[in-house]
Amino acid sequence: MFVLNVTYLAPIEAVEPHIEAHMKWVAEGYERGWFLASGRKNPRTGGIILAKGNREEIEAYLAQDPFVTSGVAKYEVTEALFSRTAPGLEALAN
């Protein structure tokens, strides 16, 4: 399991023009079976994605995020090895 921490590098006004393309990119991450949950941070300084799969493939995919290619955001990838989950969240366990 990976926690993908998105941090904006630019003011939200510079991020907003890239949101539609980013959301299409996020949808493709779900279609590939990598993304399990995603959403913005509060306050709005970036977002978080929970992902599973091959780290190298996921990191290569992150480099294609329109937020990254436009230079308005960066990712930090943290691997988490969950050994216990609440009922219904078994997909998060390794």
PDB file of N, CA and C in Angstrom:
ATOM      1  N   MET A   1       0.850  -1.165   0.000  1.00  0.00           N
ATOM      2  CA  MET A   1       0.000   0.000   0.000  1.00  0.00           C
ATOM      3  C   MET A   1       0.890   1.220   0.000  1.00  0.00           C
ATOM      4  N   PHE A   2       0.485   2.213  -0.767  1.00  0.00           N
ATOM      5  CA  PHE A   2       1.240   3.459  -0.844  1.00  0.00           C
ATOM      6  C   PHE A   2       0.332   4.642  -0.519  1.00  0.00           C
ATOM      7  N   VAL A   3       0.870   5.563   0.260  1.00  0.00           N
ATOM      8  CA  VAL A   3       0.214   6.831   0.515  1.00  0.00           C
ATOM      9  C   VAL A   3       0.922   7.840  -0.380  1.00  0.00           C
ATOM     10  N   LEU A   4       0.177   8.411  -1.325  1.00  0.00           N
ATOM     11  CA  LEU A   4       0.719   9.371  -2.272  1.00  0.00           C
ATOM     12  C   LEU A   4       0.302  10.752  -1.802  1.00  0.00           C
ATOM     13  N   ASN A   5       1.263  11.505  -1.309  1.00  0.00           N
ATOM     14  CA  ASN A   5       1.006  12.819  -0.730  1.00  0.00           C
ATOM     15  C   ASN A   5       1.301  13.875  -1.792  1.00  0.00           C
ATOM     16  N   VAL A   6       0.261  14.537  -2.275  1.00  0.00           N
ATOM     17  CA  VAL A   6       0.386  15.581  -3.286  1.00  0.00           C
ATOM     18  C   VAL A   6       0.494  16.926  -2.577  1.00  0.00           C
ATOM     19  N   THR A   7       1.516  17.699  -2.912  1.00  0.00           N
ATOM     20  CA  THR A   7       1.690  19.030  -2.332  1.00  0.00           C
ATOM     21  C   THR A   7       1.753  20.052  -3.454  1.00  0.00           C
ATOM     22  N   TYR A   8       0.918  21.065  -3.358  1.00  0.00           N
ATOM     23  CA  TYR A   8       0.942  22.133  -4.352  1.00  0.00           C
ATOM     24  C   TYR A   8       2.205  22.968  -4.175  1.00  0.00           C
ATOM     25  N   LEU A   9       2.817  23.313  -5.298  1.00  0.00           N
ATOM     26  CA  LEU A   9       4.006  24.150  -5.320  1.00  0.00           C
ATOM     27  C   LEU A   9       3.683  25.576  -5.756  1.00  0.00           C
ATOM     28  N   ALA A  10       2.441  25.793  -6.113  1.00  0.00           N
ATOM     29  CA  ALA A  10       1.998  27.085  -6.642  1.00  0.00           C
ATOM     30  C   ALA A  10       0.684  27.464  -5.968  1.00  0.00           C
ATOM     31  N   PRO A  11       0.310  28.728  -6.039  1.00  0.00           N
ATOM     32  CA  PRO A  11      -0.989  29.151  -5.487  1.00  0.00           C
ATOM     33  C   PRO A  11      -2.139  28.406  -6.174  1.00  0.00           C
ATOM     34  N   ILE A  12      -3.237  28.252  -5.466  1.00  0.00           N
ATOM     35  CA  ILE A  12      -4.386  27.498  -5.983  1.00  0.00           C
ATOM     36  C   ILE A  12      -4.857  28.054  -7.328  1.00  0.00           C
ATOM     37  N   GLU A  13      -4.709  29.339  -7.554  1.00  0.00           N
ATOM     38  CA  GLU A  13      -5.118  29.933  -8.831  1.00  0.00           C
ATOM     39  C   GLU A  13      -4.298  29.368  -9.998  1.00  0.00           C
ATOM     40  N   ALA A  14      -3.065  28.961  -9.735  1.00  0.00           N
ATOM     41  CA  ALA A  14      -2.231  28.355 -10.771  1.00  0.00           C
ATOM     42  C   ALA A  14      -2.526  26.861 -10.925  1.00  0.00           C
ATOM     43  N   VAL A  15      -3.059  26.246  -9.879  1.00  0.00           N
ATOM     44  CA  VAL A  15      -3.395  24.817  -9.903  1.00  0.00           C
ATOM     45  C   VAL A  15      -4.713  24.582 -10.643  1.00  0.00           C
ATOM     46  N   GLU A  16      -5.695  25.439 -10.401  1.00  0.00           N
ATOM     47  CA  GLU A  16      -7.055  25.231 -10.920  1.00  0.00           C
ATOM     48  C   GLU A  16      -7.146  24.964 -12.421  1.00  0.00           C
ATOM     49  N   PRO A  17      -6.358  25.609 -13.285  1.00  0.00           N
ATOM     50  CA  PRO A  17      -6.475  25.307 -14.716  1.00  0.00           C
ATOM     51  C   PRO A  17      -6.113  23.860 -15.084  1.00  0.00           C
ATOM     52  N   HIS A  18      -5.455  23.144 -14.177  1.00  0.00           N
ATOM     53  CA  HIS A  18      -5.011  21.777 -14.450  1.00  0.00           C
ATOM     54  C   HIS A  18      -5.897  20.713 -13.792  1.00  0.00           C
ATOM     55  N   ILE A  19      -6.928  21.142 -13.066  1.00  0.00           N
ATOM     56  CA  ILE A  19      -7.746  20.190 -12.301  1.00  0.00           C
ATOM     57  C   ILE A  19      -8.483  19.207 -13.204  1.00  0.00           C
ATOM     58  N   GLU A  20      -9.081  19.663 -14.291  1.00  0.00           N
ATOM     59  CA  GLU A  20      -9.826  18.746 -15.163  1.00  0.00           C
ATOM     60  C   GLU A  20      -8.922  17.653 -15.720  1.00  0.00           C
ATOM     61  N   ALA A  21      -7.748  18.026 -16.203  1.00  0.00           N
ATOM     62  CA  ALA A  21      -6.812  17.023 -16.735  1.00  0.00           C
ATOM     63  C   ALA A  21      -6.323  16.105 -15.622  1.00  0.00           C
ATOM     64  N   HIS A  22      -6.081  16.649 -14.436  1.00  0.00           N
ATOM     65  CA  HIS A  22      -5.660  15.838 -13.294  1.00  0.00           C
ATOM     66  C   HIS A  22      -6.737  14.819 -12.942  1.00  0.00           C
ATOM     67  N   MET A  23      -8.008  15.233 -12.936  1.00  0.00           N
ATOM     68  CA  MET A  23      -9.088  14.315 -12.582  1.00  0.00           C
ATOM     69  C   MET A  23      -9.232  13.188 -13.606  1.00  0.00           C
ATOM     70  N   LYS A  24      -8.987  13.463 -14.866  1.00  0.00           N
ATOM     71  CA  LYS A  24      -8.971  12.398 -15.886  1.00  0.00           C
ATOM     72  C   LYS A  24      -7.832  11.430 -15.596  1.00  0.00           C
ATOM     73  N   TRP A  25      -6.676  11.976 -15.224  1.00  0.00           N
ATOM     74  CA  TRP A  25      -5.520  11.156 -14.875  1.00  0.00           C
ATOM     75  C   TRP A  25      -5.843  10.293 -13.647  1.00  0.00           C
ATOM     76  N   VAL A  26      -6.497  10.871 -12.636  1.00  0.00           N
ATOM     77  CA  VAL A  26      -6.900  10.111 -11.444  1.00  0.00           C
ATOM     78  C   VAL A  26      -7.845   8.978 -11.836  1.00  0.00           C
ATOM     79  N   ALA A  27      -8.827   9.264 -12.686  1.00  0.00           N
ATOM     80  CA  ALA A  27      -9.781   8.237 -13.126  1.00  0.00           C
ATOM     81  C   ALA A  27      -9.051   7.073 -13.781  1.00  0.00           C
ATOM     82  N   GLU A  28      -8.029   7.370 -14.564  1.00  0.00           N
ATOM     83  CA  GLU A  28      -7.266   6.289 -15.205  1.00  0.00           C
ATOM     84  C   GLU A  28      -6.519   5.457 -14.167  1.00  0.00           C
ATOM     85  N   GLY A  29      -6.041   6.092 -13.096  1.00  0.00           N
ATOM     86  CA  GLY A  29      -5.391   5.350 -12.014  1.00  0.00           C
ATOM     87  C   GLY A  29      -6.348   4.354 -11.366  1.00  0.00           C
ATOM     88  N   TYR A  30      -7.621   4.738 -11.222  1.00  0.00           N
ATOM     89  CA  TYR A  30      -8.642   3.820 -10.711  1.00  0.00           C
ATOM     90  C   TYR A  30      -8.903   2.697 -11.715  1.00  0.00           C
ATOM     91  N   GLU A  31      -9.005   3.043 -12.982  1.00  0.00           N
ATOM     92  CA  GLU A  31      -9.253   2.038 -14.024  1.00  0.00           C
ATOM     93  C   GLU A  31      -8.135   1.002 -14.075  1.00  0.00           C
ATOM     94  N   ARG A  32      -6.918   1.415 -13.816  1.00  0.00           N
ATOM     95  CA  ARG A  32      -5.774   0.491 -13.811  1.00  0.00           C
ATOM     96  C   ARG A  32      -5.753  -0.379 -12.560  1.00  0.00           C
ATOM     97  N   GLY A  33      -6.613  -0.065 -11.578  1.00  0.00           N
ATOM     98  CA  GLY A  33      -6.677  -0.838 -10.347  1.00  0.00           C
ATOM     99  C   GLY A  33      -5.655  -0.412  -9.310  1.00  0.00           C
ATOM    100  N   TRP A  34      -4.969   0.699  -9.528  1.00  0.00           N
ATOM    101  CA  TRP A  34      -3.947   1.173  -8.594  1.00  0.00           C
ATOM    102  C   TRP A  34      -4.519   2.019  -7.466  1.00  0.00           C
ATOM    103  N   PHE A  35      -5.466   2.892  -7.765  1.00  0.00           N
ATOM    104  CA  PHE A  35      -5.962   3.850  -6.781  1.00  0.00           C
ATOM    105  C   PHE A  35      -7.164   3.264  -6.035  1.00  0.00           C
ATOM    106  N   LEU A  36      -7.157   3.414  -4.711  1.00  0.00           N
ATOM    107  CA  LEU A  36      -8.226   2.899  -3.858  1.00  0.00           C
ATOM    108  C   LEU A  36      -9.059   4.019  -3.246  1.00  0.00           C
ATOM    109  N   ALA A  37      -8.449   5.161  -3.013  1.00  0.00           N
ATOM    110  CA  ALA A  37      -9.140   6.317  -2.436  1.00  0.00           C
ATOM    111  C   ALA A  37      -8.320   7.558  -2.776  1.00  0.00           C
ATOM    112  N   SER A  38      -9.028   8.685  -2.917  1.00  0.00           N
ATOM    113  CA  SER A  38      -8.326   9.928  -3.236  1.00  0.00           C
ATOM    114  C   SER A  38      -9.176  11.117  -2.817  1.00  0.00           C
ATOM    115  N   GLY A  39      -8.505  12.231  -2.568  1.00  0.00           N
ATOM    116  CA  GLY A  39      -9.220  13.449  -2.222  1.00  0.00           C
ATOM    117  C   GLY A  39      -8.269  14.564  -1.871  1.00  0.00           C
ATOM    118  N   ARG A  40      -8.835  15.753  -1.712  1.00  0.00           N
ATOM    119  CA  ARG A  40      -8.010  16.924  -1.414  1.00  0.00           C
ATOM    120  C   ARG A  40      -7.785  17.057   0.078  1.00  0.00           C
ATOM    121  N   LYS A  41      -6.719  17.763   0.411  1.00  0.00           N
ATOM    122  CA  LYS A  41      -6.427  18.087   1.804  1.00  0.00           C
ATOM    123  C   LYS A  41      -7.265  19.295   2.215  1.00  0.00           C
ATOM    124  N   ASN A  42      -7.466  19.417   3.520  1.00  0.00           N
ATOM    125  CA  ASN A  42      -8.143  20.583   4.082  1.00  0.00           C
ATOM    126  C   ASN A  42      -7.264  21.113   5.199  1.00  0.00           C
ATOM    127  N   PRO A  43      -6.622  22.270   5.044  1.00  0.00           N
ATOM    128  CA  PRO A  43      -6.829  23.245   3.976  1.00  0.00           C
ATOM    129  C   PRO A  43      -6.304  22.739   2.633  1.00  0.00           C
ATOM    130  N   ARG A  44      -6.701  23.419   1.592  1.00  0.00           N
ATOM    131  CA  ARG A  44      -6.471  22.983   0.216  1.00  0.00           C
ATOM    132  C   ARG A  44      -5.029  23.264  -0.223  1.00  0.00           C
ATOM    133  N   THR A  45      -4.125  22.388   0.239  1.00  0.00           N
ATOM    134  CA  THR A  45      -2.703  22.520  -0.073  1.00  0.00           C
ATOM    135  C   THR A  45      -2.193  21.365  -0.919  1.00  0.00           C
ATOM    136  N   GLY A  46      -3.099  20.496  -1.351  1.00  0.00           N
ATOM    137  CA  GLY A  46      -2.736  19.316  -2.126  1.00  0.00           C
ATOM    138  C   GLY A  46      -3.775  18.235  -1.933  1.00  0.00           C
ATOM    139  N   GLY A  47      -3.330  16.987  -1.991  1.00  0.00           N
ATOM    140  CA  GLY A  47      -4.254  15.873  -1.850  1.00  0.00           C
ATOM    141  C   GLY A  47      -3.550  14.620  -1.378  1.00  0.00           C
ATOM    142  N   ILE A  48      -4.334  13.574  -1.195  1.00  0.00           N
ATOM    143  CA  ILE A  48      -3.834  12.266  -0.774  1.00  0.00           C
ATOM    144  C   ILE A  48      -4.479  11.215  -1.660  1.00  0.00           C
ATOM    145  N   ILE A  49      -3.668  10.248  -2.098  1.00  0.00           N
ATOM    146  CA  ILE A  49      -4.172   9.091  -2.837  1.00  0.00           C
ATOM    147  C   ILE A  49      -3.655   7.842  -2.140  1.00  0.00           C
ATOM    148  N   LEU A  50      -4.530   6.881  -1.892  1.00  0.00           N
ATOM    149  CA  LEU A  50      -4.117   5.559  -1.420  1.00  0.00           C
ATOM    150  C   LEU A  50      -4.030   4.665  -2.640  1.00  0.00           C
ATOM    151  N   ALA A  51      -2.894   3.995  -2.800  1.00  0.00           N
ATOM    152  CA  ALA A  51      -2.661   3.204  -4.006  1.00  0.00           C
ATOM    153  C   ALA A  51      -2.043   1.859  -3.656  1.00  0.00           C
ATOM    154  N   LYS A  52      -2.207   0.915  -4.574  1.00  0.00           N
ATOM    155  CA  LYS A  52      -1.571  -0.398  -4.439  1.00  0.00           C
ATOM    156  C   LYS A  52      -0.982  -0.760  -5.793  1.00  0.00           C
ATOM    157  N   GLY A  53       0.009  -1.627  -5.770  1.00  0.00           N
ATOM    158  CA  GLY A  53       0.620  -2.064  -7.015  1.00  0.00           C
ATOM    159  C   GLY A  53       2.129  -2.012  -6.947  1.00  0.00           C
ATOM    160  N   ASN A  54       2.753  -2.010  -8.104  1.00  0.00           N
ATOM    161  CA  ASN A  54       4.198  -1.979  -8.242  1.00  0.00           C
ATOM    162  C   ASN A  54       4.690  -0.538  -8.073  1.00  0.00           C
ATOM    163  N   ARG A  55       5.615  -0.341  -7.146  1.00  0.00           N
ATOM    164  CA  ARG A  55       6.071   1.016  -6.836  1.00  0.00           C
ATOM    165  C   ARG A  55       6.658   1.736  -8.060  1.00  0.00           C
ATOM    166  N   GLU A  56       7.489   1.052  -8.825  1.00  0.00           N
ATOM    167  CA  GLU A  56       8.117   1.676  -9.984  1.00  0.00           C
ATOM    168  C   GLU A  56       7.073   2.123 -11.013  1.00  0.00           C
ATOM    169  N   GLU A  57       6.072   1.282 -11.237  1.00  0.00           N
ATOM    170  CA  GLU A  57       5.005   1.645 -12.182  1.00  0.00           C
ATOM    171  C   GLU A  57       4.211   2.838 -11.671  1.00  0.00           C
ATOM    172  N   ILE A  58       3.895   2.836 -10.387  1.00  0.00           N
ATOM    173  CA  ILE A  58       3.126   3.936  -9.807  1.00  0.00           C
ATOM    174  C   ILE A  58       3.931   5.229  -9.862  1.00  0.00           C
ATOM    175  N   GLU A  59       5.223   5.173  -9.514  1.00  0.00           N
ATOM    176  CA  GLU A  59       6.041   6.381  -9.557  1.00  0.00           C
ATOM    177  C   GLU A  59       6.167   6.919 -10.983  1.00  0.00           C
ATOM    178  N   ALA A  60       6.280   6.027 -11.961  1.00  0.00           N
ATOM    179  CA  ALA A  60       6.319   6.470 -13.359  1.00  0.00           C
ATOM    180  C   ALA A  60       5.000   7.130 -13.742  1.00  0.00           C
ATOM    181  N   TYR A  61       3.891   6.580 -13.236  1.00  0.00           N
ATOM    182  CA  TYR A  61       2.580   7.168 -13.520  1.00  0.00           C
ATOM    183  C   TYR A  61       2.439   8.537 -12.865  1.00  0.00           C
ATOM    184  N   LEU A  62       2.954   8.692 -11.643  1.00  0.00           N
ATOM    185  CA  LEU A  62       2.890   9.978 -10.956  1.00  0.00           C
ATOM    186  C   LEU A  62       3.595  11.068 -11.764  1.00  0.00           C
ATOM    187  N   ALA A  63       4.669  10.704 -12.426  1.00  0.00           N
ATOM    188  CA  ALA A  63       5.417  11.672 -13.234  1.00  0.00           C
ATOM    189  C   ALA A  63       4.593  12.195 -14.406  1.00  0.00           C
ATOM    190  N   GLN A  64       3.510  11.475 -14.763  1.00  0.00           N
ATOM    191  CA  GLN A  64       2.649  11.877 -15.868  1.00  0.00           C
ATOM    192  C   GLN A  64       1.444  12.710 -15.428  1.00  0.00           C
ATOM    193  N   ASP A  65       1.264  12.883 -14.106  1.00  0.00           N
ATOM    194  CA  ASP A  65       0.143  13.679 -13.603  1.00  0.00           C
ATOM    195  C   ASP A  65       0.264  15.099 -14.169  1.00  0.00           C
ATOM    196  N   PRO A  66      -0.801  15.635 -14.749  1.00  0.00           N
ATOM    197  CA  PRO A  66      -0.758  17.010 -15.261  1.00  0.00           C
ATOM    198  C   PRO A  66      -0.324  18.045 -14.216  1.00  0.00           C
ATOM    199  N   PHE A  67      -0.604  17.797 -12.955  1.00  0.00           N
ATOM    200  CA  PHE A  67      -0.111  18.695 -11.909  1.00  0.00           C
ATOM    201  C   PHE A  67       1.423  18.716 -11.904  1.00  0.00           C
ATOM    202  N   VAL A  68       2.022  17.541 -12.067  1.00  0.00           N
ATOM    203  CA  VAL A  68       3.484  17.422 -12.047  1.00  0.00           C
ATOM    204  C   VAL A  68       4.083  17.972 -13.334  1.00  0.00           C
ATOM    205  N   THR A  69       3.521  17.568 -14.471  1.00  0.00           N
ATOM    206  CA  THR A  69       4.100  18.007 -15.746  1.00  0.00           C
ATOM    207  C   THR A  69       3.990  19.515 -15.941  1.00  0.00           C
ATOM    208  N   SER A  70       3.017  20.149 -15.288  1.00  0.00           N
ATOM    209  CA  SER A  70       2.876  21.602 -15.377  1.00  0.00           C
ATOM    210  C   SER A  70       3.680  22.324 -14.294  1.00  0.00           C
ATOM    211  N   GLY A  71       4.256  21.554 -13.357  1.00  0.00           N
ATOM    212  CA  GLY A  71       5.094  22.139 -12.318  1.00  0.00           C
ATOM    213  C   GLY A  71       4.355  22.761 -11.146  1.00  0.00           C
ATOM    214  N   VAL A  72       3.062  22.440 -10.984  1.00  0.00           N
ATOM    215  CA  VAL A  72       2.305  23.052  -9.887  1.00  0.00           C
ATOM    216  C   VAL A  72       2.194  22.160  -8.651  1.00  0.00           C
ATOM    217  N   ALA A  73       2.700  20.917  -8.733  1.00  0.00           N
ATOM    218  CA  ALA A  73       2.614  20.014  -7.580  1.00  0.00           C
ATOM    219  C   ALA A  73       3.731  18.984  -7.642  1.00  0.00           C
ATOM    220  N   LYS A  74       3.979  18.364  -6.489  1.00  0.00           N
ATOM    221  CA  LYS A  74       4.939  17.268  -6.395  1.00  0.00           C
ATOM    222  C   LYS A  74       4.328  16.167  -5.538  1.00  0.00           C
ATOM    223  N   TYR A  75       4.904  14.971  -5.613  1.00  0.00           N
ATOM    224  CA  TYR A  75       4.441  13.825  -4.832  1.00  0.00           C
ATOM    225  C   TYR A  75       5.520  13.352  -3.874  1.00  0.00           C
ATOM    226  N   GLU A  76       5.071  12.886  -2.715  1.00  0.00           N
ATOM    227  CA  GLU A  76       5.899  12.123  -1.787  1.00  0.00           C
ATOM    228  C   GLU A  76       5.219  10.767  -1.657  1.00  0.00           C
ATOM    229  N   VAL A  77       5.970   9.694  -1.852  1.00  0.00           N
ATOM    230  CA  VAL A  77       5.421   8.338  -1.797  1.00  0.00           C
ATOM    231  C   VAL A  77       5.890   7.673  -0.505  1.00  0.00           C
ATOM    232  N   THR A  78       4.927   7.194   0.292  1.00  0.00           N
ATOM    233  CA  THR A  78       5.228   6.468   1.521  1.00  0.00           C
ATOM    234  C   THR A  78       4.600   5.093   1.433  1.00  0.00           C
ATOM    235  N   GLU A  79       5.407   4.076   1.633  1.00  0.00           N
ATOM    236  CA  GLU A  79       4.863   2.711   1.655  1.00  0.00           C
ATOM    237  C   GLU A  79       4.382   2.402   3.070  1.00  0.00           C
ATOM    238  N   ALA A  80       3.180   1.870   3.186  1.00  0.00           N
ATOM    239  CA  ALA A  80       2.586   1.503   4.470  1.00  0.00           C
ATOM    240  C   ALA A  80       2.210   0.030   4.415  1.00  0.00           C
ATOM    241  N   LEU A  81       2.628  -0.715   5.411  1.00  0.00           N
ATOM    242  CA  LEU A  81       2.337  -2.152   5.470  1.00  0.00           C
ATOM    243  C   LEU A  81       1.290  -2.390   6.556  1.00  0.00           C
ATOM    244  N   PHE A  82       0.036  -2.190   6.194  1.00  0.00           N
ATOM    245  CA  PHE A  82      -1.060  -2.360   7.153  1.00  0.00           C
ATOM    246  C   PHE A  82      -1.263  -3.840   7.446  1.00  0.00           C
ATOM    247  N   SER A  83      -1.296  -4.170   8.725  1.00  0.00           N
ATOM    248  CA  SER A  83      -1.516  -5.559   9.127  1.00  0.00           C
ATOM    249  C   SER A  83      -2.918  -5.785   9.673  1.00  0.00           C
ATOM    250  N   ARG A  84      -3.640  -4.708   9.914  1.00  0.00           N
ATOM    251  CA  ARG A  84      -5.000  -4.808  10.449  1.00  0.00           C
ATOM    252  C   ARG A  84      -5.839  -3.669   9.896  1.00  0.00           C
ATOM    253  N   THR A  85      -7.105  -3.975   9.598  1.00  0.00           N
ATOM    254  CA  THR A  85      -8.027  -2.959   9.095  1.00  0.00           C
ATOM    255  C   THR A  85      -9.402  -3.158   9.724  1.00  0.00           C
ATOM    256  N   ALA A  86     -10.222  -2.138   9.642  1.00  0.00           N
ATOM    257  CA  ALA A  86     -11.602  -2.243  10.065  1.00  0.00           C
ATOM    258  C   ALA A  86     -12.363  -3.068   9.029  1.00  0.00           C
ATOM    259  N   PRO A  87     -13.475  -3.693   9.409  1.00  0.00           N
ATOM    260  CA  PRO A  87     -14.271  -4.456   8.453  1.00  0.00           C
ATOM    261  C   PRO A  87     -14.638  -3.591   7.256  1.00  0.00           C
ATOM    262  N   GLY A  88     -14.484  -4.174   6.075  1.00  0.00           N
ATOM    263  CA  GLY A  88     -14.793  -3.475   4.836  1.00  0.00           C
ATOM    264  C   GLY A  88     -13.579  -2.812   4.203  1.00  0.00           C
ATOM    265  N   LEU A  89     -12.477  -2.732   4.940  1.00  0.00           N
ATOM    266  CA  LEU A  89     -11.277  -2.090   4.417  1.00  0.00           C
ATOM    267  C   LEU A  89     -10.142  -3.093   4.186  1.00  0.00           C
ATOM    268  N   GLU A  90     -10.481  -4.328   3.970  1.00  0.00           N
ATOM    269  CA  GLU A  90      -9.484  -5.374   3.809  1.00  0.00           C
ATOM    270  C   GLU A  90      -8.540  -5.115   2.634  1.00  0.00           C
ATOM    271  N   ALA A  91      -8.994  -4.403   1.618  1.00  0.00           N
ATOM    272  CA  ALA A  91      -8.151  -4.112   0.449  1.00  0.00           C
ATOM    273  C   ALA A  91      -6.933  -3.276   0.817  1.00  0.00           C
ATOM    274  N   LEU A  92      -6.963  -2.619   1.982  1.00  0.00           N
ATOM    275  CA  LEU A  92      -5.837  -1.800   2.405  1.00  0.00           C
ATOM    276  C   LEU A  92      -4.706  -2.625   3.040  1.00  0.00           C
ATOM    277  N   ALA A  93      -5.003  -3.842   3.459  1.00  0.00           N
ATOM    278  CA  ALA A  93      -4.005  -4.682   4.127  1.00  0.00           C
ATOM    279  C   ALA A  93      -3.072  -5.314   3.085  1.00  0.00           C
ATOM    280  N   ASN A  94      -1.860  -5.544   3.520  1.00  0.00           N
ATOM    281  CA  ASN A  94      -0.862  -6.160   2.628  1.00  0.00           C
ATOM    282  C   ASN A  94      -0.857  -7.657   2.762  1.00  0.00           C
TER     283      ASN A  94
END
